[in-house]
PDB file of N, CA and C in Angstrom:
ATOM      1  N   MET A   1      -8.037  18.768   1.707  1.00  0.00           N
ATOM      2  CA  MET A   1      -9.425  18.405   1.916  1.00  0.00           C
ATOM      3  C   MET A   1      -9.746  17.191   1.052  1.00  0.00           C
ATOM      4  N   THR A   2     -10.430  16.210   1.626  1.00  0.00           N
ATOM      5  CA  THR A   2     -10.763  15.018   0.860  1.00  0.00           C
ATOM      6  C   THR A   2     -12.227  15.036   0.483  1.00  0.00           C
ATOM      7  N   ASP A   3     -12.506  14.396  -0.612  1.00  0.00           N
ATOM      8  CA  ASP A   3     -13.860  14.248  -1.106  1.00  0.00           C
ATOM      9  C   ASP A   3     -14.627  13.344  -0.144  1.00  0.00           C
ATOM     10  N   SER A   4     -15.915  13.592   0.049  1.00  0.00           N
ATOM     11  CA  SER A   4     -16.700  12.791   0.984  1.00  0.00           C
ATOM     12  C   SER A   4     -16.819  11.337   0.528  1.00  0.00           C
ATOM     13  N   HIS A   5     -16.536  11.063  -0.753  1.00  0.00           N
ATOM     14  CA  HIS A   5     -16.598   9.693  -1.259  1.00  0.00           C
ATOM     15  C   HIS A   5     -15.231   9.026  -1.276  1.00  0.00           C
ATOM     16  N   SER A   6     -14.231   9.730  -0.811  1.00  0.00           N
ATOM     17  CA  SER A   6     -12.859   9.246  -0.845  1.00  0.00           C
ATOM     18  C   SER A   6     -12.550   8.477   0.443  1.00  0.00           C
ATOM     19  N   LYS A   7     -11.917   7.307   0.278  1.00  0.00           N
ATOM     20  CA  LYS A   7     -11.522   6.514   1.439  1.00  0.00           C
ATOM     21  C   LYS A   7     -10.256   7.108   2.052  1.00  0.00           C
ATOM     22  N   PRO A   8     -10.162   7.144   3.376  1.00  0.00           N
ATOM     23  CA  PRO A   8      -8.924   7.626   3.996  1.00  0.00           C
ATOM     24  C   PRO A   8      -7.803   6.592   3.843  1.00  0.00           C
ATOM     25  N   LEU A   9      -6.573   7.090   3.916  1.00  0.00           N
ATOM     26  CA  LEU A   9      -5.406   6.212   3.968  1.00  0.00           C
ATOM     27  C   LEU A   9      -5.081   5.972   5.433  1.00  0.00           C
ATOM     28  N   VAL A  10      -4.906   4.706   5.812  1.00  0.00           N
ATOM     29  CA  VAL A  10      -4.503   4.346   7.173  1.00  0.00           C
ATOM     30  C   VAL A  10      -3.089   3.781   7.063  1.00  0.00           C
ATOM     31  N   TRP A  11      -2.110   4.524   7.578  1.00  0.00           N
ATOM     32  CA  TRP A  11      -0.701   4.136   7.467  1.00  0.00           C
ATOM     33  C   TRP A  11      -0.297   3.309   8.678  1.00  0.00           C
ATOM     34  N   LEU A  12      -0.037   2.012   8.460  1.00  0.00           N
ATOM     35  CA  LEU A  12       0.446   1.157   9.539  1.00  0.00           C
ATOM     36  C   LEU A  12       1.971   1.121   9.562  1.00  0.00           C
ATOM     37  N   SER A  13       2.587   1.376   8.415  1.00  0.00           N
ATOM     38  CA  SER A  13       4.041   1.385   8.342  1.00  0.00           C
ATOM     39  C   SER A  13       4.482   2.074   7.059  1.00  0.00           C
ATOM     40  N   GLY A  14       5.654   2.685   7.116  1.00  0.00           N
ATOM     41  CA  GLY A  14       6.237   3.284   5.934  1.00  0.00           C
ATOM     42  C   GLY A  14       5.721   4.679   5.658  1.00  0.00           C
ATOM     43  N   GLU A  15       6.367   5.333   4.710  1.00  0.00           N
ATOM     44  CA  GLU A  15       5.966   6.660   4.289  1.00  0.00           C
ATOM     45  C   GLU A  15       6.478   6.893   2.875  1.00  0.00           C
ATOM     46  N   VAL A  16       5.878   7.860   2.217  1.00  0.00           N
ATOM     47  CA  VAL A  16       6.295   8.231   0.880  1.00  0.00           C
ATOM     48  C   VAL A  16       6.729   9.677   0.962  1.00  0.00           C
ATOM     49  N   LYS A  17       8.045   9.907   0.878  1.00  0.00           N
ATOM     50  CA  LYS A  17       8.548  11.277   0.948  1.00  0.00           C
ATOM     51  C   LYS A  17       9.829  11.384   0.119  1.00  0.00           C
ATOM     52  N   THR A  18      10.187  12.619  -0.178  1.00  0.00           N
ATOM     53  CA  THR A  18      11.398  12.892  -0.936  1.00  0.00           C
ATOM     54  C   THR A  18      12.419  13.538  -0.010  1.00  0.00           C
ATOM     55  N   PRO A  19      13.665  13.015   0.083  1.00  0.00           N
ATOM     56  CA  PRO A  19      14.073  11.680  -0.320  1.00  0.00           C
ATOM     57  C   PRO A  19      13.510  10.633   0.636  1.00  0.00           C
ATOM     58  N   PRO A  20      13.575   9.377   0.413  1.00  0.00           N
ATOM     59  CA  PRO A  20      14.356   8.689  -0.598  1.00  0.00           C
ATOM     60  C   PRO A  20      13.670   8.597  -1.967  1.00  0.00           C
ATOM     61  N   PHE A  21      12.336   8.786  -2.037  1.00  0.00           N
ATOM     62  CA  PHE A  21      11.669   8.798  -3.333  1.00  0.00           C
ATOM     63  C   PHE A  21      12.126  10.037  -4.105  1.00  0.00           C
ATOM     64  N   SER A  22      12.230   9.932  -5.420  1.00  0.00           N
ATOM     65  CA  SER A  22      12.426  11.141  -6.228  1.00  0.00           C
ATOM     66  C   SER A  22      11.096  11.894  -6.225  1.00  0.00           C
ATOM     67  N   SER A  23      11.125  13.149  -6.588  1.00  0.00           N
ATOM     68  CA  SER A  23       9.879  13.931  -6.650  1.00  0.00           C
ATOM     69  C   SER A  23       8.879  13.279  -7.599  1.00  0.00           C
ATOM     70  N   GLU A  24       9.372  12.792  -8.735  1.00  0.00           N
ATOM     71  CA  GLU A  24       8.492  12.169  -9.735  1.00  0.00           C
ATOM     72  C   GLU A  24       7.837  10.901  -9.183  1.00  0.00           C
ATOM     73  N   ALA A  25       8.630  10.067  -8.508  1.00  0.00           N
ATOM     74  CA  ALA A  25       8.088   8.820  -7.950  1.00  0.00           C
ATOM     75  C   ALA A  25       7.095   9.120  -6.826  1.00  0.00           C
ATOM     76  N   ARG A  26       7.396  10.134  -6.011  1.00  0.00           N
ATOM     77  CA  ARG A  26       6.479  10.511  -4.931  1.00  0.00           C
ATOM     78  C   ARG A  26       5.150  10.989  -5.518  1.00  0.00           C
ATOM     79  N   LEU A  27       5.203  11.780  -6.576  1.00  0.00           N
ATOM     80  CA  LEU A  27       3.969  12.247  -7.219  1.00  0.00           C
ATOM     81  C   LEU A  27       3.190  11.087  -7.832  1.00  0.00           C
ATOM     82  N   GLU A  28       3.895  10.140  -8.452  1.00  0.00           N
ATOM     83  CA  GLU A  28       3.219   8.977  -9.023  1.00  0.00           C
ATOM     84  C   GLU A  28       2.543   8.150  -7.920  1.00  0.00           C
ATOM     85  N   ALA A  29       3.251   7.959  -6.802  1.00  0.00           N
ATOM     86  CA  ALA A  29       2.674   7.216  -5.677  1.00  0.00           C
ATOM     87  C   ALA A  29       1.406   7.916  -5.185  1.00  0.00           C
ATOM     88  N   GLY A  30       1.473   9.237  -5.027  1.00  0.00           N
ATOM     89  CA  GLY A  30       0.301   9.993  -4.584  1.00  0.00           C
ATOM     90  C   GLY A  30      -0.853   9.887  -5.563  1.00  0.00           C
ATOM     91  N   PHE A  31      -0.545   9.953  -6.861  1.00  0.00           N
ATOM     92  CA  PHE A  31      -1.566   9.842  -7.902  1.00  0.00           C
ATOM     93  C   PHE A  31      -2.256   8.476  -7.838  1.00  0.00           C
ATOM     94  N   LEU A  32      -1.462   7.400  -7.713  1.00  0.00           N
ATOM     95  CA  LEU A  32      -2.033   6.046  -7.655  1.00  0.00           C
ATOM     96  C   LEU A  32      -2.829   5.833  -6.363  1.00  0.00           C
ATOM     97  N   LEU A  33      -2.318   6.330  -5.236  1.00  0.00           N
ATOM     98  CA  LEU A  33      -3.062   6.197  -3.973  1.00  0.00           C
ATOM     99  C   LEU A  33      -4.391   6.945  -4.049  1.00  0.00           C
ATOM    100  N   ARG A  34      -4.399   8.114  -4.676  1.00  0.00           N
ATOM    101  CA  ARG A  34      -5.642   8.880  -4.833  1.00  0.00           C
ATOM    102  C   ARG A  34      -6.656   8.092  -5.662  1.00  0.00           C
ATOM    103  N   LYS A  35      -6.202   7.426  -6.729  1.00  0.00           N
ATOM    104  CA  LYS A  35      -7.104   6.604  -7.547  1.00  0.00           C
ATOM    105  C   LYS A  35      -7.737   5.497  -6.685  1.00  0.00           C
ATOM    106  N   LEU A  36      -6.913   4.870  -5.829  1.00  0.00           N
ATOM    107  CA  LEU A  36      -7.444   3.836  -4.935  1.00  0.00           C
ATOM    108  C   LEU A  36      -8.470   4.431  -3.974  1.00  0.00           C
ATOM    109  N   GLN A  37      -8.155   5.601  -3.428  1.00  0.00           N
ATOM    110  CA  GLN A  37      -9.076   6.255  -2.487  1.00  0.00           C
ATOM    111  C   GLN A  37     -10.423   6.549  -3.149  1.00  0.00           C
ATOM    112  N   GLU A  38     -10.390   6.838  -4.431  1.00  0.00           N
ATOM    113  CA  GLU A  38     -11.619   7.165  -5.153  1.00  0.00           C
ATOM    114  C   GLU A  38     -12.345   5.923  -5.659  1.00  0.00           C
ATOM    115  N   GLY A  39     -11.823   4.735  -5.329  1.00  0.00           N
ATOM    116  CA  GLY A  39     -12.519   3.495  -5.657  1.00  0.00           C
ATOM    117  C   GLY A  39     -12.129   2.864  -6.977  1.00  0.00           C
ATOM    118  N   GLU A  40     -11.103   3.393  -7.630  1.00  0.00           N
ATOM    119  CA  GLU A  40     -10.678   2.820  -8.905  1.00  0.00           C
ATOM    120  C   GLU A  40      -9.897   1.532  -8.662  1.00  0.00           C
ATOM    121  N   ASN A  41     -10.163   0.532  -9.490  1.00  0.00           N
ATOM    122  CA  ASN A  41      -9.412  -0.719  -9.411  1.00  0.00           C
ATOM    123  C   ASN A  41      -8.212  -0.616 -10.334  1.00  0.00           C
ATOM    124  N   LEU A  42      -7.027  -0.766  -9.779  1.00  0.00           N
ATOM    125  CA  LEU A  42      -5.807  -0.703 -10.572  1.00  0.00           C
ATOM    126  C   LEU A  42      -5.325  -2.116 -10.862  1.00  0.00           C
ATOM    127  N   SER A  43      -4.692  -2.289 -12.016  1.00  0.00           N
ATOM    128  CA  SER A  43      -4.137  -3.592 -12.371  1.00  0.00           C
ATOM    129  C   SER A  43      -2.723  -3.378 -12.912  1.00  0.00           C
ATOM    130  N   MET A  44      -2.130  -4.437 -13.423  1.00  0.00           N
ATOM    131  CA  MET A  44      -0.780  -4.348 -13.970  1.00  0.00           C
ATOM    132  C   MET A  44      -0.757  -3.293 -15.065  1.00  0.00           C
ATOM    133  N   PRO A  45       0.273  -2.504 -15.184  1.00  0.00           N
ATOM    134  CA  PRO A  45       1.553  -2.620 -14.499  1.00  0.00           C
ATOM    135  C   PRO A  45       1.625  -1.840 -13.189  1.00  0.00           C
ATOM    136  N   PHE A  46       0.516  -1.213 -12.771  1.00  0.00           N
ATOM    137  CA  PHE A  46       0.529  -0.349 -11.583  1.00  0.00           C
ATOM    138  C   PHE A  46       0.313  -1.100 -10.277  1.00  0.00           C
ATOM    139  N   SER A  47      -0.465  -2.172 -10.323  1.00  0.00           N
ATOM    140  CA  SER A  47      -0.829  -2.877  -9.097  1.00  0.00           C
ATOM    141  C   SER A  47      -0.915  -4.372  -9.379  1.00  0.00           C
ATOM    142  N   ARG A  48      -0.557  -5.140  -8.358  1.00  0.00           N
ATOM    143  CA  ARG A  48      -0.617  -6.600  -8.475  1.00  0.00           C
ATOM    144  C   ARG A  48      -1.186  -7.162  -7.180  1.00  0.00           C
ATOM    145  N   PRO A  49      -2.083  -8.153  -7.287  1.00  0.00           N
ATOM    146  CA  PRO A  49      -2.627  -8.772  -6.072  1.00  0.00           C
ATOM    147  C   PRO A  49      -1.526  -9.460  -5.270  1.00  0.00           C
ATOM    148  N   MET A  50      -1.701  -9.467  -3.947  1.00  0.00           N
ATOM    149  CA  MET A  50      -0.757 -10.119  -3.039  1.00  0.00           C
ATOM    150  C   MET A  50      -1.528 -11.086  -2.126  1.00  0.00           C
ATOM    151  N   PRO A  51      -2.093 -12.164  -2.681  1.00  0.00           N
ATOM    152  CA  PRO A  51      -2.864 -13.099  -1.853  1.00  0.00           C
ATOM    153  C   PRO A  51      -2.025 -13.774  -0.783  1.00  0.00           C
ATOM    154  N   SER A  52      -0.705 -13.791  -0.945  1.00  0.00           N
ATOM    155  CA  SER A  52       0.160 -14.397   0.077  1.00  0.00           C
ATOM    156  C   SER A  52       0.093 -13.605   1.388  1.00  0.00           C
ATOM    157  N   ILE A  53      -0.349 -12.341   1.322  1.00  0.00           N
ATOM    158  CA  ILE A  53      -0.495 -11.528   2.528  1.00  0.00           C
ATOM    159  C   ILE A  53      -1.926 -11.620   3.056  1.00  0.00           C
ATOM    160  N   GLY A  54      -2.889 -11.549   2.160  1.00  0.00           N
ATOM    161  CA  GLY A  54      -4.275 -11.649   2.593  1.00  0.00           C
ATOM    162  C   GLY A  54      -5.238 -11.220   1.504  1.00  0.00           C
ATOM    163  N   SER A  55      -6.498 -11.443   1.779  1.00  0.00           N
ATOM    164  CA  SER A  55      -7.555 -11.064   0.856  1.00  0.00           C
ATOM    165  C   SER A  55      -7.556  -9.544   0.668  1.00  0.00           C
ATOM    166  N   SER A  56      -7.762  -9.096  -0.553  1.00  0.00           N
ATOM    167  CA  SER A  56      -7.819  -7.670  -0.913  1.00  0.00           C
ATOM    168  C   SER A  56      -6.489  -6.938  -0.724  1.00  0.00           C
ATOM    169  N   CYS A  57      -5.383  -7.691  -0.619  1.00  0.00           N
ATOM    170  CA  CYS A  57      -4.064  -7.072  -0.499  1.00  0.00           C
ATOM    171  C   CYS A  57      -3.415  -6.974  -1.880  1.00  0.00           C
ATOM    172  N   HIS A  58      -2.702  -5.880  -2.079  1.00  0.00           N
ATOM    173  CA  HIS A  58      -2.059  -5.601  -3.363  1.00  0.00           C
ATOM    174  C   HIS A  58      -0.745  -4.881  -3.116  1.00  0.00           C
ATOM    175  N   GLU A  59       0.059  -4.787  -4.176  1.00  0.00           N
ATOM    176  CA  GLU A  59       1.246  -3.946  -4.121  1.00  0.00           C
ATOM    177  C   GLU A  59       1.168  -2.941  -5.253  1.00  0.00           C
ATOM    178  N   LEU A  60       1.372  -1.675  -4.907  1.00  0.00           N
ATOM    179  CA  LEU A  60       1.545  -0.657  -5.934  1.00  0.00           C
ATOM    180  C   LEU A  60       2.985  -0.736  -6.387  1.00  0.00           C
ATOM    181  N   ARG A  61       3.191  -0.564  -7.680  1.00  0.00           N
ATOM    182  CA  ARG A  61       4.523  -0.694  -8.266  1.00  0.00           C
ATOM    183  C   ARG A  61       4.941   0.664  -8.818  1.00  0.00           C
ATOM    184  N   ILE A  62       5.997   1.232  -8.248  1.00  0.00           N
ATOM    185  CA  ILE A  62       6.453   2.552  -8.663  1.00  0.00           C
ATOM    186  C   ILE A  62       7.927   2.466  -9.054  1.00  0.00           C
ATOM    187  N   ASN A  63       8.195   2.765 -10.312  1.00  0.00           N
ATOM    188  CA  ASN A  63       9.576   2.762 -10.803  1.00  0.00           C
ATOM    189  C   ASN A  63      10.157   4.158 -10.636  1.00  0.00           C
ATOM    190  N   ASP A  64      11.275   4.210  -9.945  1.00  0.00           N
ATOM    191  CA  ASP A  64      11.974   5.463  -9.708  1.00  0.00           C
ATOM    192  C   ASP A  64      13.224   5.471 -10.591  1.00  0.00           C
ATOM    193  N   LYS A  65      14.012   6.518 -10.494  1.00  0.00           N
ATOM    194  CA  LYS A  65      15.213   6.647 -11.324  1.00  0.00           C
ATOM    195  C   LYS A  65      16.133   5.440 -11.192  1.00  0.00           C
ATOM    196  N   ASP A  66      16.478   5.084  -9.972  1.00  0.00           N
ATOM    197  CA  ASP A  66      17.420   3.986  -9.760  1.00  0.00           C
ATOM    198  C   ASP A  66      16.915   2.950  -8.764  1.00  0.00           C
ATOM    199  N   LYS A  67      15.614   3.010  -8.450  1.00  0.00           N
ATOM    200  CA  LYS A  67      15.024   2.080  -7.485  1.00  0.00           C
ATOM    201  C   LYS A  67      13.635   1.661  -7.970  1.00  0.00           C
ATOM    202  N   ILE A  68      13.181   0.554  -7.422  1.00  0.00           N
ATOM    203  CA  ILE A  68      11.812   0.101  -7.663  1.00  0.00           C
ATOM    204  C   ILE A  68      11.132   0.075  -6.299  1.00  0.00           C
ATOM    205  N   TRP A  69      10.076   0.863  -6.153  1.00  0.00           N
ATOM    206  CA  TRP A  69       9.358   0.963  -4.883  1.00  0.00           C
ATOM    207  C   TRP A  69       8.104   0.108  -4.920  1.00  0.00           C
ATOM    208  N   ARG A  70       7.736  -0.389  -3.744  1.00  0.00           N
ATOM    209  CA  ARG A  70       6.483  -1.126  -3.573  1.00  0.00           C
ATOM    210  C   ARG A  70       5.742  -0.548  -2.377  1.00  0.00           C
ATOM    211  N   ILE A  71       4.449  -0.399  -2.535  1.00  0.00           N
ATOM    212  CA  ILE A  71       3.571   0.023  -1.436  1.00  0.00           C
ATOM    213  C   ILE A  71       2.544  -1.092  -1.260  1.00  0.00           C
ATOM    214  N   ILE A  72       2.706  -1.859  -0.195  1.00  0.00           N
ATOM    215  CA  ILE A  72       1.793  -2.963   0.089  1.00  0.00           C
ATOM    216  C   ILE A  72       0.577  -2.380   0.814  1.00  0.00           C
ATOM    217  N   HIS A  73      -0.617  -2.723   0.340  1.00  0.00           N
ATOM    218  CA  HIS A  73      -1.833  -2.158   0.935  1.00  0.00           C
ATOM    219  C   HIS A  73      -2.989  -3.150   0.844  1.00  0.00           C
ATOM    220  N   ARG A  74      -4.003  -2.884   1.649  1.00  0.00           N
ATOM    221  CA  ARG A  74      -5.243  -3.652   1.581  1.00  0.00           C
ATOM    222  C   ARG A  74      -6.371  -2.660   1.326  1.00  0.00           C
ATOM    223  N   ILE A  75      -7.275  -3.061   0.457  1.00  0.00           N
ATOM    224  CA  ILE A  75      -8.425  -2.224   0.146  1.00  0.00           C
ATOM    225  C   ILE A  75      -9.597  -2.703   0.994  1.00  0.00           C
ATOM    226  N   ASP A  76      -9.940  -1.904   2.000  1.00  0.00           N
ATOM    227  CA  ASP A  76     -11.087  -2.192   2.855  1.00  0.00           C
ATOM    228  C   ASP A  76     -12.287  -1.390   2.358  1.00  0.00           C
ATOM    229  N   GLU A  77     -13.454  -1.711   2.864  1.00  0.00           N
ATOM    230  CA  GLU A  77     -14.664  -0.994   2.468  1.00  0.00           C
ATOM    231  C   GLU A  77     -14.587   0.477   2.862  1.00  0.00           C
ATOM    232  N   ASP A  78     -13.923   0.759   3.991  1.00  0.00           N
ATOM    233  CA  ASP A  78     -13.921   2.127   4.520  1.00  0.00           C
ATOM    234  C   ASP A  78     -12.564   2.815   4.495  1.00  0.00           C
ATOM    235  N   ALA A  79     -11.501   2.132   3.989  1.00  0.00           N
ATOM    236  CA  ALA A  79     -10.173   2.744   4.012  1.00  0.00           C
ATOM    237  C   ALA A  79      -9.208   1.975   3.111  1.00  0.00           C
ATOM    238  N   ILE A  80      -8.106   2.630   2.788  1.00  0.00           N
ATOM    239  CA  ILE A  80      -6.968   1.968   2.149  1.00  0.00           C
ATOM    240  C   ILE A  80      -5.915   1.845   3.250  1.00  0.00           C
ATOM    241  N   VAL A  81      -5.575   0.611   3.610  1.00  0.00           N
ATOM    242  CA  VAL A  81      -4.660   0.356   4.722  1.00  0.00           C
ATOM    243  C   VAL A  81      -3.258   0.099   4.157  1.00  0.00           C
ATOM    244  N   ILE A  82      -2.324   0.989   4.477  1.00  0.00           N
ATOM    245  CA  ILE A  82      -0.943   0.872   4.000  1.00  0.00           C
ATOM    246  C   ILE A  82      -0.168   0.000   4.983  1.00  0.00           C
ATOM    247  N   LEU A  83       0.344  -1.124   4.478  1.00  0.00           N
ATOM    248  CA  LEU A  83       1.026  -2.103   5.326  1.00  0.00           C
ATOM    249  C   LEU A  83       2.545  -1.952   5.313  1.00  0.00           C
ATOM    250  N   ASP A  84       3.093  -1.523   4.188  1.00  0.00           N
ATOM    251  CA  ASP A  84       4.546  -1.354   4.113  1.00  0.00           C
ATOM    252  C   ASP A  84       4.908  -0.581   2.855  1.00  0.00           C
ATOM    253  N   VAL A  85       6.031   0.108   2.927  1.00  0.00           N
ATOM    254  CA  VAL A  85       6.621   0.803   1.786  1.00  0.00           C
ATOM    255  C   VAL A  85       8.084   0.403   1.784  1.00  0.00           C
ATOM    256  N   PHE A  86       8.546  -0.147   0.675  1.00  0.00           N
ATOM    257  CA  PHE A  86       9.950  -0.560   0.633  1.00  0.00           C
ATOM    258  C   PHE A  86      10.491  -0.484  -0.785  1.00  0.00           C
ATOM    259  N   HIS A  87      11.780  -0.482  -0.881  1.00  0.00           N
ATOM    260  CA  HIS A  87      12.413  -0.490  -2.197  1.00  0.00           C
ATOM    261  C   HIS A  87      12.818  -1.923  -2.487  1.00  0.00           C
ATOM    262  N   LYS A  88      12.349  -2.400  -3.625  1.00  0.00           N
ATOM    263  CA  LYS A  88      12.518  -3.798  -3.987  1.00  0.00           C
ATOM    264  C   LYS A  88      13.869  -4.012  -4.649  1.00  0.00           C
ATOM    265  N   THR A  89      14.586  -5.030  -4.186  1.00  0.00           N
ATOM    266  CA  THR A  89      15.925  -5.295  -4.716  1.00  0.00           C
ATOM    267  C   THR A  89      16.029  -6.658  -5.401  1.00  0.00           C
ATOM    268  N   THR A  90      14.986  -7.494  -5.268  1.00  0.00           N
ATOM    269  CA  THR A  90      14.989  -8.817  -5.902  1.00  0.00           C
ATOM    270  C   THR A  90      13.661  -9.022  -6.626  1.00  0.00           C
ATOM    271  N   ASN A  91      13.561 -10.100  -7.389  1.00  0.00           N
ATOM    272  CA  ASN A  91      12.318 -10.377  -8.115  1.00  0.00           C
ATOM    273  C   ASN A  91      11.177 -10.779  -7.196  1.00  0.00           C
ATOM    274  N   LYS A  92      11.495 -11.394  -6.072  1.00  0.00           N
ATOM    275  CA  LYS A  92      10.458 -11.840  -5.138  1.00  0.00           C
ATOM    276  C   LYS A  92      10.362 -10.876  -3.965  1.00  0.00           C
ATOM    277  N   THR A  93       9.143 -10.743  -3.447  1.00  0.00           N
ATOM    278  CA  THR A  93       8.960  -9.949  -2.237  1.00  0.00           C
ATOM    279  C   THR A  93       9.631 -10.688  -1.083  1.00  0.00           C
ATOM    280  N   PRO A  94      10.493 -10.007  -0.330  1.00  0.00           N
ATOM    281  CA  PRO A  94      11.186 -10.678   0.779  1.00  0.00           C
ATOM    282  C   PRO A  94      10.194 -11.302   1.771  1.00  0.00           C
ATOM    283  N   PRO A  95      10.461 -12.541   2.211  1.00  0.00           N
ATOM    284  CA  PRO A  95       9.560 -13.216   3.159  1.00  0.00           C
ATOM    285  C   PRO A  95       9.310 -12.391   4.420  1.00  0.00           C
ATOM    286  N   GLN A  96      10.313 -11.642   4.885  1.00  0.00           N
ATOM    287  CA  GLN A  96      10.141 -10.836   6.100  1.00  0.00           C
ATOM    288  C   GLN A  96       9.113  -9.725   5.881  1.00  0.00           C
ATOM    289  N   VAL A  97       9.067  -9.159   4.683  1.00  0.00           N
ATOM    290  CA  VAL A  97       8.071  -8.130   4.365  1.00  0.00           C
ATOM    291  C   VAL A  97       6.669  -8.743   4.426  1.00  0.00           C
ATOM    292  N   ILE A  98       6.517  -9.921   3.846  1.00  0.00           N
ATOM    293  CA  ILE A  98       5.212 -10.602   3.855  1.00  0.00           C
ATOM    294  C   ILE A  98       4.781 -10.893   5.286  1.00  0.00           C
ATOM    295  N   GLU A  99       5.693 -11.427   6.099  1.00  0.00           N
ATOM    296  CA  GLU A  99       5.367 -11.740   7.500  1.00  0.00           C
ATOM    297  C   GLU A  99       5.001 -10.486   8.291  1.00  0.00           C
ATOM    298  N   ASN A 100       5.783  -9.418   8.117  1.00  0.00           N
ATOM    299  CA  ASN A 100       5.488  -8.165   8.822  1.00  0.00           C
ATOM    300  C   ASN A 100       4.122  -7.619   8.427  1.00  0.00           C
ATOM    301  N   CYS A 101       3.787  -7.683   7.157  1.00  0.00           N
ATOM    302  CA  CYS A 101       2.483  -7.198   6.692  1.00  0.00           C
ATOM    303  C   CYS A 101       1.345  -8.020   7.303  1.00  0.00           C
ATOM    304  N   LYS A 102       1.513  -9.337   7.357  1.00  0.00           N
ATOM    305  CA  LYS A 102       0.491 -10.198   7.964  1.00  0.00           C
ATOM    306  C   LYS A 102       0.285  -9.841   9.438  1.00  0.00           C
ATOM    307  N   LYS A 103       1.386  -9.614  10.154  1.00  0.00           N
ATOM    308  CA  LYS A 103       1.301  -9.270  11.575  1.00  0.00           C
ATOM    309  C   LYS A 103       0.610  -7.918  11.763  1.00  0.00           C
ATOM    310  N   ARG A 104       0.976  -6.946  10.938  1.00  0.00           N
ATOM    311  CA  ARG A 104       0.344  -5.618  11.043  1.00  0.00           C
ATOM    312  C   ARG A 104      -1.146  -5.704  10.772  1.00  0.00           C
ATOM    313  N   LEU A 105      -1.538  -6.492   9.767  1.00  0.00           N
ATOM    314  CA  LEU A 105      -2.961  -6.653   9.452  1.00  0.00           C
ATOM    315  C   LEU A 105      -3.717  -7.312  10.603  1.00  0.00           C
ATOM    316  N   LYS A 106      -3.103  -8.332  11.171  1.00  0.00           N
ATOM    317  CA  LYS A 106      -3.746  -9.032  12.293  1.00  0.00           C
ATOM    318  C   LYS A 106      -3.987  -8.069  13.453  1.00  0.00           C
ATOM    319  N   ARG A 107      -2.959  -7.282  13.812  1.00  0.00           N
ATOM    320  CA  ARG A 107      -3.115  -6.303  14.900  1.00  0.00           C
ATOM    321  C   ARG A 107      -4.168  -5.245  14.543  1.00  0.00           C
ATOM    322  N   TYR A 108      -4.120  -4.773  13.325  1.00  0.00           N
ATOM    323  CA  TYR A 108      -5.080  -3.754  12.882  1.00  0.00           C
ATOM    324  C   TYR A 108      -6.517  -4.281  12.968  1.00  0.00           C
ATOM    325  N   ASP A 109      -6.718  -5.509  12.472  1.00  0.00           N
ATOM    326  CA  ASP A 109      -8.062  -6.094  12.495  1.00  0.00           C
ATOM    327  C   ASP A 109      -8.532  -6.338  13.923  1.00  0.00           C
ATOM    328  N   GLU A 110      -7.617  -6.760  14.803  1.00  0.00           N
ATOM    329  CA  GLU A 110      -7.990  -6.973  16.206  1.00  0.00           C
ATOM    330  C   GLU A 110      -8.379  -5.654  16.864  1.00  0.00           C
ATOM    331  N   MET A 111      -7.653  -4.592  16.570  1.00  0.00           N
ATOM    332  CA  MET A 111      -7.920  -3.298  17.185  1.00  0.00           C
ATOM    333  C   MET A 111      -9.172  -2.613  16.610  1.00  0.00           C
ATOM    334  N   SER A 112      -9.486  -2.891  15.337  1.00  0.00           N
ATOM    335  CA  SER A 112     -10.620  -2.203  14.736  1.00  0.00           C
ATOM    336  C   SER A 112     -11.921  -2.990  14.764  1.00  0.00           C
ATOM    337  N   SER A 113     -11.874  -4.232  15.245  1.00  0.00           N
ATOM    338  CA  SER A 113     -13.137  -4.979  15.336  1.00  0.00           C
ATOM    339  C   SER A 113     -13.839  -4.611  16.634  1.00  0.00           C
ATOM    340  N   PRO A 114     -15.171  -4.536  16.582  1.00  0.00           N
ATOM    341  CA  PRO A 114     -15.922  -4.173  17.781  1.00  0.00           C
ATOM    342  C   PRO A 114     -15.787  -5.237  18.869  1.00  0.00           C
ATOM    343  N   PRO A 115     -15.832  -4.820  20.129  1.00  0.00           N
ATOM    344  CA  PRO A 115     -15.746  -5.814  21.218  1.00  0.00           C
ATOM    345  C   PRO A 115     -16.939  -6.761  21.189  1.00  0.00           C
ATOM    346  N   PRO A 116     -16.736  -7.982  21.646  1.00  0.00           N
ATOM    347  CA  PRO A 116     -17.841  -8.986  21.610  1.00  0.00           C
ATOM    348  C   PRO A 116     -18.975  -8.633  22.534  1.00  0.00           C
TER     349      PRO A 116
END
């Protein structure tokens, strides 16, 4: 059951489950997502802005036992939109991840905007 003041999560891609996440990393991801749903602004080391994807886009940073996970999301007025979940293997976000997130956002915005 969610609080009436809590924003829903809208999953456009990816999931957080064990495996591949460890139980600890999955719980941390859930804890951080809940904070976002309740309107808390997260900053480093938990969250970093991703303006290369779009306005109000961020990445949650979750360190697991042997992996580093990222949850790319956008904070909307009425929801937290999950754009991608991936395990990071380099210092930079892969260009394909950025492009896929932009495409998903564009489709989402087109589908959720009212007809003219």
